[in-house]
Protein backbone atom coordinates (compact mmCIF):
# COMPACT_ATOMS: atom_id res chain seq x y z
CA MET A 1 3.34 -50.50 28.10
CA GLU A 2 6.10 -48.70 29.93
CA GLN A 3 8.45 -50.95 31.88
CA GLY A 4 11.04 -49.26 34.10
CA ASP A 5 13.14 -47.08 31.86
CA THR A 6 11.89 -48.71 28.63
CA LEU A 7 8.80 -47.92 26.59
CA GLU A 8 7.75 -51.00 24.60
CA GLY A 9 6.35 -50.86 21.08
CA ARG A 10 2.83 -52.16 20.54
CA TYR A 11 0.72 -52.70 17.44
CA GLY A 12 -3.04 -53.10 17.84
CA GLY A 13 -4.14 -53.55 14.22
CA GLN A 14 -6.31 -56.53 13.28
CA ARG A 15 -6.73 -58.37 10.00
CA GLY A 16 -10.50 -58.06 9.68
CA PRO A 17 -10.85 -54.28 9.99
CA ILE A 18 -7.92 -53.42 7.74
CA PHE A 19 -9.02 -55.99 5.15
CA LEU A 20 -12.49 -54.43 4.97
CA LEU A 21 -11.01 -50.91 4.93
CA VAL A 22 -8.64 -51.63 2.03
CA LEU A 23 -11.39 -53.54 0.21
CA GLN A 24 -13.86 -50.66 0.57
CA THR A 25 -11.35 -47.99 -0.45
CA GLY A 26 -10.17 -50.18 -3.32
CA ILE A 27 -13.70 -50.46 -4.70
CA LEU A 28 -14.21 -46.69 -4.39
CA THR A 29 -10.88 -46.13 -6.16
CA VAL A 30 -12.01 -48.30 -9.07
CA LEU A 31 -15.43 -46.62 -9.27
CA THR A 32 -13.82 -43.15 -9.34
CA LEU A 33 -11.24 -44.23 -11.95
CA GLY A 34 -8.37 -43.88 -9.48
CA ILE A 35 -9.20 -40.45 -8.05
CA TYR A 36 -10.22 -41.81 -4.64
CA ARG A 37 -6.79 -43.39 -4.07
CA PHE A 38 -5.58 -40.22 -2.34
CA TRP A 39 -8.37 -40.46 0.23
CA ALA A 40 -7.85 -44.23 0.41
CA LYS A 41 -4.19 -43.88 1.36
CA SER A 42 -5.04 -41.29 4.02
CA ARG A 43 -7.68 -43.56 5.58
CA VAL A 44 -5.34 -46.56 5.63
CA ARG A 45 -2.56 -44.50 7.17
CA ARG A 46 -4.92 -43.17 9.82
CA TYR A 47 -5.85 -46.72 10.80
CA VAL A 48 -2.25 -47.97 10.85
CA TRP A 49 -0.93 -44.93 12.73
CA ASN A 50 -3.62 -45.31 15.41
CA ALA A 51 -2.68 -48.99 15.75
CA VAL A 52 0.94 -48.08 16.54
CA GLN A 53 0.85 -47.46 20.29
CA PRO A 54 4.24 -46.94 21.97
CA GLY A 55 3.64 -47.27 25.68
CA GLY A 56 -0.10 -47.56 25.00
CA ASP A 57 -0.39 -44.08 23.47
CA PRO A 58 -1.57 -44.25 19.83
CA MET A 59 0.06 -42.23 17.10
CA GLU A 60 -2.05 -39.86 15.00
CA TYR A 61 -2.11 -39.11 11.29
CA SER A 62 -3.64 -35.80 10.20
CA GLY A 63 -3.03 -35.91 6.45
CA THR A 64 -6.06 -35.58 4.18
CA GLY A 65 -7.00 -36.83 0.75
CA VAL A 66 -7.71 -33.28 -0.44
CA GLU A 67 -4.17 -32.03 0.16
CA LYS A 68 -2.72 -35.17 -1.40
CA PHE A 69 -4.90 -34.72 -4.49
CA ILE A 70 -3.96 -31.04 -4.82
CA GLY A 71 -0.30 -31.95 -4.35
CA PHE A 72 -0.61 -34.55 -7.10
CA LEU A 73 -2.03 -31.95 -9.50
CA ILE A 74 0.80 -29.54 -8.64
CA ALA A 75 3.33 -32.30 -9.27
CA LEU A 76 1.77 -33.10 -12.65
CA VAL A 77 2.11 -29.46 -13.73
CA VAL A 78 5.74 -29.33 -12.62
CA LEU A 79 6.52 -32.63 -14.35
CA ALA A 80 4.83 -31.44 -17.55
CA VAL A 81 6.93 -28.25 -17.59
CA TYR A 82 10.09 -30.19 -16.71
CA LEU A 83 9.58 -32.81 -19.44
CA GLY A 84 8.56 -30.08 -21.90
CA LEU A 85 11.84 -28.23 -21.33
CA LEU A 86 13.67 -31.53 -21.66
CA GLN A 87 11.99 -32.12 -25.02
CA VAL A 88 13.15 -28.70 -26.23
CA LEU A 89 16.74 -29.48 -25.21
CA LEU A 90 16.61 -32.91 -26.84
CA THR A 91 15.27 -31.37 -30.04
CA PHE A 92 18.24 -29.00 -30.20
CA ALA A 93 20.49 -32.02 -29.64
CA GLY A 94 18.91 -33.86 -32.56
CA LEU A 95 16.82 -36.18 -30.39
CA SER A 96 13.08 -36.32 -29.91
CA LEU A 97 10.74 -37.78 -27.32
CA LEU A 98 7.95 -37.58 -29.88
CA ASP A 99 9.53 -40.22 -32.09
CA LEU A 100 10.52 -42.97 -29.69
CA VAL A 101 9.48 -45.72 -32.14
CA PRO A 102 11.13 -45.09 -35.53
CA ASP A 103 9.57 -46.28 -38.79
CA GLU A 104 10.74 -49.47 -40.53
CA GLY A 105 12.73 -47.42 -43.02
CA ALA A 106 14.47 -45.33 -40.35
CA SER A 107 18.20 -44.87 -40.67
CA GLU A 108 20.69 -46.10 -38.10
CA ALA A 109 21.17 -42.54 -36.88
CA GLN A 110 17.42 -42.16 -36.29
CA ILE A 111 17.32 -45.42 -34.34
CA PHE A 112 20.20 -44.29 -32.11
CA ALA A 113 18.50 -40.91 -31.67
CA SER A 114 15.32 -42.66 -30.56
CA ILE A 115 17.21 -44.83 -28.07
CA GLY A 116 19.13 -41.79 -26.84
CA ALA A 117 15.92 -39.86 -26.23
CA THR A 118 14.51 -42.76 -24.22
CA TYR A 119 17.56 -43.08 -21.97
CA ALA A 120 17.87 -39.31 -21.60
CA THR A 121 14.28 -39.17 -20.34
CA LEU A 122 14.83 -41.99 -17.85
CA ILE A 123 18.04 -40.43 -16.55
CA ALA A 124 16.35 -37.02 -16.24
CA ILE A 125 13.58 -38.53 -14.08
CA ILE A 126 16.00 -40.17 -11.61
CA PRO A 127 16.72 -36.92 -9.68
CA LEU A 128 12.97 -36.30 -9.36
CA ILE A 129 12.51 -39.78 -7.89
CA PHE A 130 15.01 -39.04 -5.11
CA ILE A 131 13.41 -35.64 -4.46
CA ALA A 132 10.01 -37.34 -4.29
CA GLN A 133 11.29 -39.89 -1.77
CA TYR A 134 12.60 -37.21 0.57
CA ARG A 135 9.59 -34.92 0.25
CA GLY A 136 7.22 -37.86 0.69
CA ARG A 137 8.88 -38.79 3.97
CA ARG A 138 8.90 -35.15 5.08
CA TYR A 139 5.18 -34.80 4.38
CA MET A 140 4.35 -38.03 6.19
CA LEU A 141 6.29 -36.95 9.27
CA SER A 142 4.72 -33.48 9.22
CA ARG A 143 1.29 -35.10 9.48
CA THR A 144 2.27 -37.49 12.27
CA ARG A 145 1.76 -36.81 15.99
CA TRP A 146 2.37 -38.71 19.18
CA ARG A 147 1.22 -37.53 22.57
CA GLY A 148 0.08 -34.34 20.85
CA LEU A 149 3.54 -33.38 19.55
CA ARG A 150 4.33 -33.14 15.84
CA PHE A 151 7.12 -34.86 14.01
CA GLY A 152 8.92 -32.90 11.31
CA MET A 153 11.78 -32.82 8.85
CA ASP A 154 14.00 -30.05 7.52
CA GLN A 155 13.81 -28.92 3.90
CA ALA A 156 16.75 -30.62 2.20
CA SER A 157 15.37 -32.54 -0.77
CA LEU A 158 17.99 -31.18 -3.21
CA GLY A 159 20.83 -32.14 -0.86
CA TYR A 160 19.37 -35.61 -0.52
CA MET A 161 18.94 -35.88 -4.29
CA TRP A 162 22.56 -35.30 -5.26
CA ARG A 163 23.83 -37.49 -2.43
CA ALA A 164 21.52 -40.31 -3.51
CA ILE A 165 22.82 -40.03 -7.07
CA VAL A 166 26.46 -40.10 -5.92
CA TYR A 167 25.99 -43.11 -3.63
CA SER A 168 23.98 -44.94 -6.30
CA VAL A 169 26.87 -44.50 -8.73
CA ILE A 170 29.34 -45.68 -6.07
CA THR A 171 27.22 -48.78 -5.46
CA VAL A 172 27.07 -49.62 -9.17
CA VAL A 173 30.78 -48.97 -9.80
CA SER A 174 31.75 -51.12 -6.79
CA PHE A 175 29.41 -53.93 -7.96
CA GLY A 176 27.41 -53.58 -4.74
CA VAL A 177 30.35 -53.96 -2.37
CA LEU A 178 29.93 -50.39 -1.09
CA ALA A 179 26.12 -50.54 -0.90
CA PRO A 180 26.21 -50.27 2.94
CA LEU A 181 27.97 -46.91 2.58
CA GLY A 182 25.06 -45.45 0.64
CA THR A 183 22.47 -47.05 2.90
CA PHE A 184 24.03 -45.58 6.02
CA GLN A 185 24.89 -42.12 4.71
CA LEU A 186 21.45 -41.52 3.18
CA GLU A 187 19.68 -42.69 6.33
CA LYS A 188 21.96 -40.49 8.44
CA PHE A 189 21.18 -37.52 6.20
CA LYS A 190 17.43 -38.03 6.74
CA THR A 191 17.63 -38.89 10.43
CA ASP A 192 19.81 -35.90 11.35
CA ARG A 193 17.13 -33.63 9.83
CA THR A 194 14.19 -35.27 11.61
CA TRP A 195 12.48 -33.79 14.67
CA TYR A 196 10.00 -34.80 17.34
CA GLY A 197 8.65 -31.60 18.78
CA ASP A 198 11.69 -29.39 19.40
CA ALA A 199 13.99 -32.40 19.89
CA GLN A 200 16.25 -33.53 17.05
CA PHE A 201 17.11 -37.09 16.07
CA GLU A 202 20.71 -38.12 15.42
CA GLN A 203 22.10 -41.15 13.62
CA GLY A 204 25.19 -42.59 15.27
CA GLY A 205 27.45 -45.49 14.34
CA ARG A 206 29.55 -46.18 11.26
CA TRP A 207 28.61 -47.45 7.82
CA THR A 208 30.86 -50.51 8.14
CA MET A 209 28.58 -51.94 10.83
CA LEU A 210 26.04 -52.77 8.10
CA TYR A 211 28.27 -55.43 6.53
CA ARG A 212 27.04 -57.87 9.16
CA ALA A 213 23.51 -57.37 7.84
CA ALA A 214 24.73 -57.84 4.25
CA SER A 215 26.57 -61.12 4.95
CA VAL A 216 23.77 -63.42 3.73
CA LEU A 217 23.28 -61.34 0.58
CA PHE A 218 26.98 -61.38 -0.30
CA PHE A 219 27.16 -65.11 0.46
CA GLY A 220 24.25 -65.74 -1.91
CA LEU A 221 25.99 -63.73 -4.63
CA GLY A 222 29.13 -65.80 -4.09
CA VAL A 223 27.19 -69.06 -4.35
CA SER A 224 25.56 -67.88 -7.59
CA ILE A 225 28.95 -67.00 -9.07
CA VAL A 226 30.33 -70.42 -8.11
CA GLY A 227 27.29 -72.04 -9.71
CA GLY A 228 27.91 -70.12 -12.92
CA VAL A 229 31.55 -71.23 -12.98
CA VAL A 230 30.58 -74.87 -12.35
CA SER A 231 27.96 -74.72 -15.11
CA ALA A 232 30.44 -73.18 -17.56
CA SER A 233 33.01 -75.86 -16.75
CA GLY A 234 30.71 -78.61 -18.05
CA SER A 235 28.67 -79.70 -15.02
CA GLU A 236 25.54 -77.92 -16.17
CA GLY A 237 23.07 -79.74 -13.92
CA LEU A 238 25.10 -79.19 -10.76
CA GLY A 239 25.82 -75.60 -11.76
CA ILE A 240 22.14 -74.78 -12.26
CA THR A 241 21.29 -76.34 -8.90
CA VAL A 242 23.94 -74.26 -7.16
CA MET A 243 22.72 -71.10 -8.94
CA VAL A 244 19.13 -71.78 -7.83
CA VAL A 245 20.35 -72.13 -4.23
CA GLY A 246 22.29 -68.90 -4.68
CA ALA A 247 19.21 -67.11 -6.05
CA VAL A 248 17.16 -68.17 -3.02
CA LEU A 249 19.92 -66.96 -0.70
CA ILE A 250 20.05 -63.64 -2.56
CA VAL A 251 16.31 -63.07 -2.05
CA ILE A 252 16.50 -63.99 1.64
CA GLY A 253 19.71 -62.00 1.97
CA PHE A 254 18.09 -58.90 0.50
CA VAL A 255 15.23 -59.14 2.99
CA HIS A 256 17.71 -59.77 5.80
CA TYR A 257 19.79 -56.77 4.76
CA ARG A 258 16.83 -54.39 4.57
CA LEU A 259 15.48 -55.55 7.92
CA GLN A 260 18.68 -55.85 9.91
CA SER A 261 20.27 -52.68 8.52
CA PHE A 262 17.15 -50.87 9.73
CA ALA A 263 17.50 -52.52 13.15
CA ILE A 264 21.23 -51.79 13.47
CA MET A 265 20.78 -48.14 12.54
CA ALA A 266 17.73 -47.83 14.82
CA ARG A 267 19.83 -49.03 17.76
CA HIS A 268 22.32 -46.26 17.00
CA LYS A 269 19.70 -43.50 16.75
CA THR A 270 19.22 -41.03 19.59
CA LEU A 271 16.82 -38.17 20.32
CA ASP A 272 17.22 -34.91 22.23
CA ASP A 273 21.04 -34.81 22.36
CA GLY A 274 21.34 -38.49 23.23
CA ALA A 275 18.89 -38.41 26.14
CA ILE A 276 16.55 -40.93 24.48
CA GLU A 277 17.75 -44.15 22.85
CA PHE A 278 16.06 -46.87 20.80
CA GLU A 279 16.01 -50.65 20.51
CA ALA A 280 15.04 -52.78 17.51
CA LEU A 281 15.30 -56.58 17.36
CA PRO A 282 13.18 -57.82 14.42
CA GLN A 283 13.72 -61.40 13.27
CA THR A 284 14.26 -62.18 9.60
CA GLY A 285 12.81 -65.67 10.00
CA ARG A 286 9.55 -64.26 11.35
CA VAL A 287 9.31 -61.77 8.49
CA VAL A 288 9.95 -64.44 5.85
CA GLY A 289 7.42 -66.70 7.57
CA HIS A 290 4.78 -63.95 7.56
CA TYR A 291 5.46 -63.34 3.87
CA ILE A 292 5.17 -67.01 2.85
CA LYS A 293 2.03 -67.64 4.90
CA GLY A 294 0.49 -64.35 3.82
CA SER A 295 1.24 -65.01 0.15
CA LEU A 296 -0.53 -68.37 0.31
CA LEU A 297 -3.58 -66.84 2.00
CA THR A 298 -3.63 -63.96 -0.49
CA MET A 299 -3.49 -66.40 -3.40
CA LEU A 300 -6.37 -68.46 -1.97
CA VAL A 301 -8.54 -65.38 -1.35
CA THR A 302 -7.85 -64.00 -4.82
CA ILE A 303 -8.66 -67.31 -6.51
CA ALA A 304 -11.82 -67.72 -4.43
CA ALA A 305 -12.95 -64.23 -5.44
CA ALA A 306 -12.34 -64.93 -9.13
CA ILE A 307 -14.07 -68.35 -9.26
CA PRO A 308 -17.71 -67.09 -9.42
CA ALA A 309 -16.84 -64.62 -12.17
CA GLY A 310 -14.95 -67.36 -14.00
CA VAL A 311 -17.97 -69.67 -13.89
CA ILE A 312 -20.26 -66.95 -15.26
CA PHE A 313 -17.72 -66.13 -17.98
CA PHE A 314 -17.52 -69.80 -19.00
CA MET A 315 -21.31 -70.21 -19.11
CA ALA A 316 -21.76 -67.02 -21.16
CA SER A 317 -19.06 -68.15 -23.59
CA GLN A 318 -20.75 -71.51 -24.06
CA ILE A 319 -24.12 -69.89 -24.66
CA GLY A 320 -22.58 -67.51 -27.18
CA ALA A 321 -20.83 -70.37 -28.97
CA ALA A 322 -24.12 -72.26 -29.24
CA GLY A 323 -25.85 -69.18 -30.68
CA GLY A 324 -28.33 -69.00 -27.83
CA PHE A 325 -27.78 -65.38 -26.82
CA GLY A 326 -26.48 -62.76 -29.21
CA GLY A 327 -24.95 -60.56 -26.54
CA ALA A 328 -23.22 -63.41 -24.72
CA GLN A 329 -19.81 -62.50 -26.13
CA ILE A 330 -20.09 -58.91 -24.93
CA PHE A 331 -21.47 -60.09 -21.60
CA SER A 332 -18.62 -62.56 -21.12
CA THR A 333 -16.07 -59.86 -21.93
CA ILE A 334 -17.61 -57.55 -19.32
CA ILE A 335 -17.54 -60.38 -16.77
CA ALA A 336 -13.89 -61.06 -17.59
CA VAL A 337 -12.98 -57.42 -16.96
CA LEU A 338 -15.01 -57.31 -13.75
CA SER A 339 -13.43 -60.54 -12.51
CA TYR A 340 -9.99 -59.06 -13.08
CA VAL A 341 -10.94 -55.92 -11.14
CA VAL A 342 -12.43 -57.99 -8.29
CA ALA A 343 -9.31 -60.16 -8.11
CA LEU A 344 -7.12 -57.05 -8.12
CA VAL A 345 -9.04 -55.36 -5.29
CA MET A 346 -9.29 -58.55 -3.23
CA GLY A 347 -5.60 -59.20 -3.79
CA GLY A 348 -4.69 -55.72 -2.55
CA ALA A 349 -6.83 -56.09 0.57
CA SER A 350 -5.42 -59.55 1.26
CA THR A 351 -1.85 -58.38 0.78
CA MET A 352 -2.37 -55.61 3.32
CA ALA A 353 -4.12 -57.86 5.86
CA PHE A 354 -2.02 -61.02 5.54
CA ILE A 355 1.44 -59.74 4.52
CA THR A 356 2.09 -56.04 5.05
CA GLN A 357 0.35 -55.58 8.41
CA PRO A 358 1.78 -58.70 10.13
CA ILE A 359 5.31 -57.77 9.03
CA PHE A 360 4.87 -54.15 10.08
CA GLY A 361 3.32 -55.22 13.38
CA HIS A 362 6.25 -57.55 14.10
CA ILE A 363 8.74 -54.74 13.49
CA VAL A 364 6.81 -52.31 15.72
CA GLU A 365 6.52 -54.81 18.57
CA THR A 366 10.23 -55.61 18.51
CA CYS A 367 11.13 -51.93 18.90
CA ALA A 368 11.42 -50.02 22.16
CA VAL A 369 12.37 -46.59 23.52
CA ARG A 370 14.87 -46.28 26.36
CA TYR A 371 14.73 -43.49 28.96
CA PRO A 372 11.23 -42.28 27.93
CA GLU A 373 11.03 -39.98 30.96
CA HIS A 374 12.92 -37.39 28.91
CA PHE A 375 9.86 -36.98 26.66
CA ASP A 376 8.41 -34.74 29.38
CA THR A 377 10.89 -31.97 28.54
CA ILE A 378 10.14 -31.88 24.78
CA GLN A 379 7.99 -28.99 23.52
CA GLN A 380 5.76 -28.55 20.46
CA ARG A 381 7.22 -27.54 17.08
CA ALA A 382 5.69 -25.28 14.45
CA ALA A 383 3.62 -26.91 11.73
CA ASP A 384 5.27 -27.55 8.36
CA ASP A 385 3.36 -26.09 5.42
CA MET A 386 3.65 -28.40 2.41
CA PRO A 387 1.10 -27.36 -0.26
CA ASP A 388 2.38 -30.01 -2.68
CA ALA A 389 1.99 -32.73 0.01
CA GLU A 390 3.61 -35.88 -1.42
CA GLY A 391 2.40 -35.19 -4.94
CA PHE A 392 5.72 -36.10 -6.57
CA ALA A 393 5.79 -39.44 -4.77
CA ASP A 394 2.26 -40.18 -6.02
CA ALA A 395 2.98 -39.00 -9.56
CA LEU A 396 6.19 -41.06 -9.80
CA ASP A 397 4.77 -43.98 -7.77
CA VAL A 398 7.59 -44.11 -5.23
CA GLY A 399 5.45 -44.33 -2.09
CA GLY A 400 5.88 -47.06 0.51
CA ALA A 401 3.51 -49.77 1.68
CA PHE A 402 1.31 -47.16 3.40
């Protein structure tokens, strides 16, 4: 609802409908050997987008499974050509992707060549991953509407790619100390190229403001280091205990950093030359609580789904062992495979209903838009034509929760 000069975030999704939706699309994905997953993702996004209702007005998602599938095929062709050219270059360099596992009698040089080919391939894929991340976000925004106006994003995937590589190297070289620099600069690069209608977003603030969000993570790292020193000095039991505490703090700290860095940067975002501002106040404790409770529920649902299949598998195995039914072994194997598939599909549906949606809903409902009256002056933007959709993100599996 809209209160004064603030438009409050609202999420109307429910566990039952999204559980059944993900369960149904998961079954269809299995039956079609994975092909239906493009349509499945579009249907889930359409449900989630419609459940996000700033000021009571639902968002819309217009992406289709057909364009995602075509984009995936285009991405596969590009990747095949790219990796084929890489193989030619590696061959000239004395390396080969076709001989990644050398024979027992291979020389030391052949072993190093095999390892070199593996690492060269992984390094060559890294730029594509960053390109896929940017293009995936651009596609998702281009298919998102609110109050009839399209979102959009400028074409700048190559610029994002080389910046992501540079900031990743800086993070590694600084042992993570400068991670907030990369987080802020990459988000600013994307935000400054994002549009709602003909109004442009802008990321304000400074990268140093994210250190507050990283405090728990850095503290956990410090505790782990102290635990290692204590363990090395002879107090192994105490050292291990301290390291376990540090590991828990690192996990919580990582969640806290991801969540609060998002919130801090959201509060420094503006739209339409600063006319519209944003608020975001998500709570890390609530998110961790949703995750723990949701994980327990997901585990119970998955186990409950696998129990009937497990009983049938056990009975068939016993019959086969007693020689009562010749095909019992084959039957039990089929049941085992089916039980795994059922558990996998039920687990995915439960994860979405009990973990992902509650966390996402909490974040949406703790966000708000200030001075929403300025939305009345924003006009429609031209549609973005993206024939490859988010094919690279699907091919390289770098998509988000939705």
